[in-house]
């Protein structure tokens, strides 16, 4: 057949980026997409081979050749060639599963012939007479993970139809042009311009996504991965938390990732990468091919926010991002001026794929297992399946080994799982939705030392104090749990009318505010004079004050007032009856001649207070 007889099509969005990425490192297997199906039950290898051959004929994306026409990359759909599914028998090995996994790992590490058909590799691994693994891999250039799942499901459908004597052509895969035509229509639509405007406005200003690593190495040929099944109790808590803000459990999982990134880095502006399938119609959901995109999820995480408030914020931002998901991230990077300079658009990635991974090959059940979604630039938090699946939700932590050592990777896995349990597990100290971000992180910190809440623990105390700005002063009021009514002692707590204002005012006095601010870190005494004694072994010169240091005032007889140093020459304190908690310059808080000194209650959490 001549070139003129072949169907020639444009590249889909994202394909050129992958082409260029592979061109820079032609021997890298990083773009290999892979899955295997764990089949438990009788299987007819010949029927399976026939089903696979039919799917190759239907799936045009697997038969494309990338060519350059007039200086532009195009793809040509070529005729189907003979495709064999080799059978690899590992049933005689001492550990068939280990042998099968090793064979698959070696195959996934083998570079594919990219830009040339066939863009796939497959094998049927026999572990026992009634146990097989069906391995399938494609190059990311021609399919994303969603497309790979379409191919596998179609093989299962055709196999079952052949076994049952039904017409296997029913439900045939639509042609690749259907996917490309839909994309072209979008790019010519008003929605395209609306999406572009949304993202340019949303990301206006300096974009500084944070990572859990200080390294900036590009994606490596292979990745680190660890897999766990999330505890059913955690999933139940996650679903309950989501329902409180009328969201689904993936929003609560994303909340946990954002909270963890904030906890490790101390950054309040967290920009996560959100992979999206970009398949808005039933037609696009039926065509294998490269369509996926990644959009930035811009979140603001404040230590004083409740988990419920943060989840609602995540829900709102995810809804907006998904409404505008079709605008390609390559174009957005160009709009931001970071397309060619290695600039980052997001930090860690959160990828949730709540699809049905339970397949049927005739009467035999098959469970689809992911092997790779493509290159991992930084660190990816990935969930597969739903809480209703027989085996529950699978969680993968994938990381770039050039950015994360094995020790760092293990620390992040342990820390994040501890945080999930603190947030949503039955062992949590209190109903997580009502707890603040700071409280949750501090509860998780002892068993997950990667979580530091902020670079220095004392800054956490500042954040806990900040949330009560504007709260009334109440003599004797306030506890480690929060504000409360106070009392009068014959001298203090009275209003201008002589009535006991403290008894009817919910708030803090100066020392209870300090006690509350530090309670998750260290249990300070209740009154200011005793707080000074308890911390006086670590005095701080005024010129060396750091956020979280305690500042004291003395009237010649005793220490009578305390404040939290907030940085920038300012303190946060509860002044007196009739006033509210404020942030003011240190010299305006109390008479300057009463300044007594400052102390440092604890060192950084990364040091001896961990």
Foldseek 3Di string as FASTA:
>chain_A
DDPVVWDKFAAAPPLVVLVVVCVVPVFFLQQKWKKKKKWFFADDQVLLQVLLQVLQQLAQLQQWAWDADPNGTMITRDGDDDDGAAEAEQLPPPQLVVVVVVVVVVVSRGRAPPRHHRQKHWYWYHNDNRIIMTMIIGGLSWFFNLLVVLSVQLSLQLLQCVVVVHDSCVLGFDYPVVLVVVLVVCCPDVLLVVLLVVLCVVPPDDADADALFPDQDFFHSDWDKDKDFADLQLQVLLQVLQVVLPHGSVLLVVLLVQLQVCQLAVDQWAKAKEKDQPQPDPNSSNHGTNQIAIDIQTGGAAQQAASSRRSNRSVVSVVVCVSSVRHHVLVVCVVVVNNPVSDDNHYEYEYEAADDQWGHNNPIIIGMGTDHRGTAGAKYWYWYHDCPDPRHIMIMIIGRCVRAPPVRSVLSVFLSSLLSCCQRHPPHPDPRRGDGSLLSLLVSCVRRVSRQSHQFPLLQLVSLLVVFFFAAAAVQFAALVGWAAGFDDPPAQADPVRHRNSRVGTHHAFQRSSQNSCVSQDRADRADQRNCVLFVVAFDDPVRDDFNKKWWFAPVPTTHGIWTDHDPQWTWGRQGHPDGTDIDHPCPRDPPVRGDGIGHRDTGSVPDSD
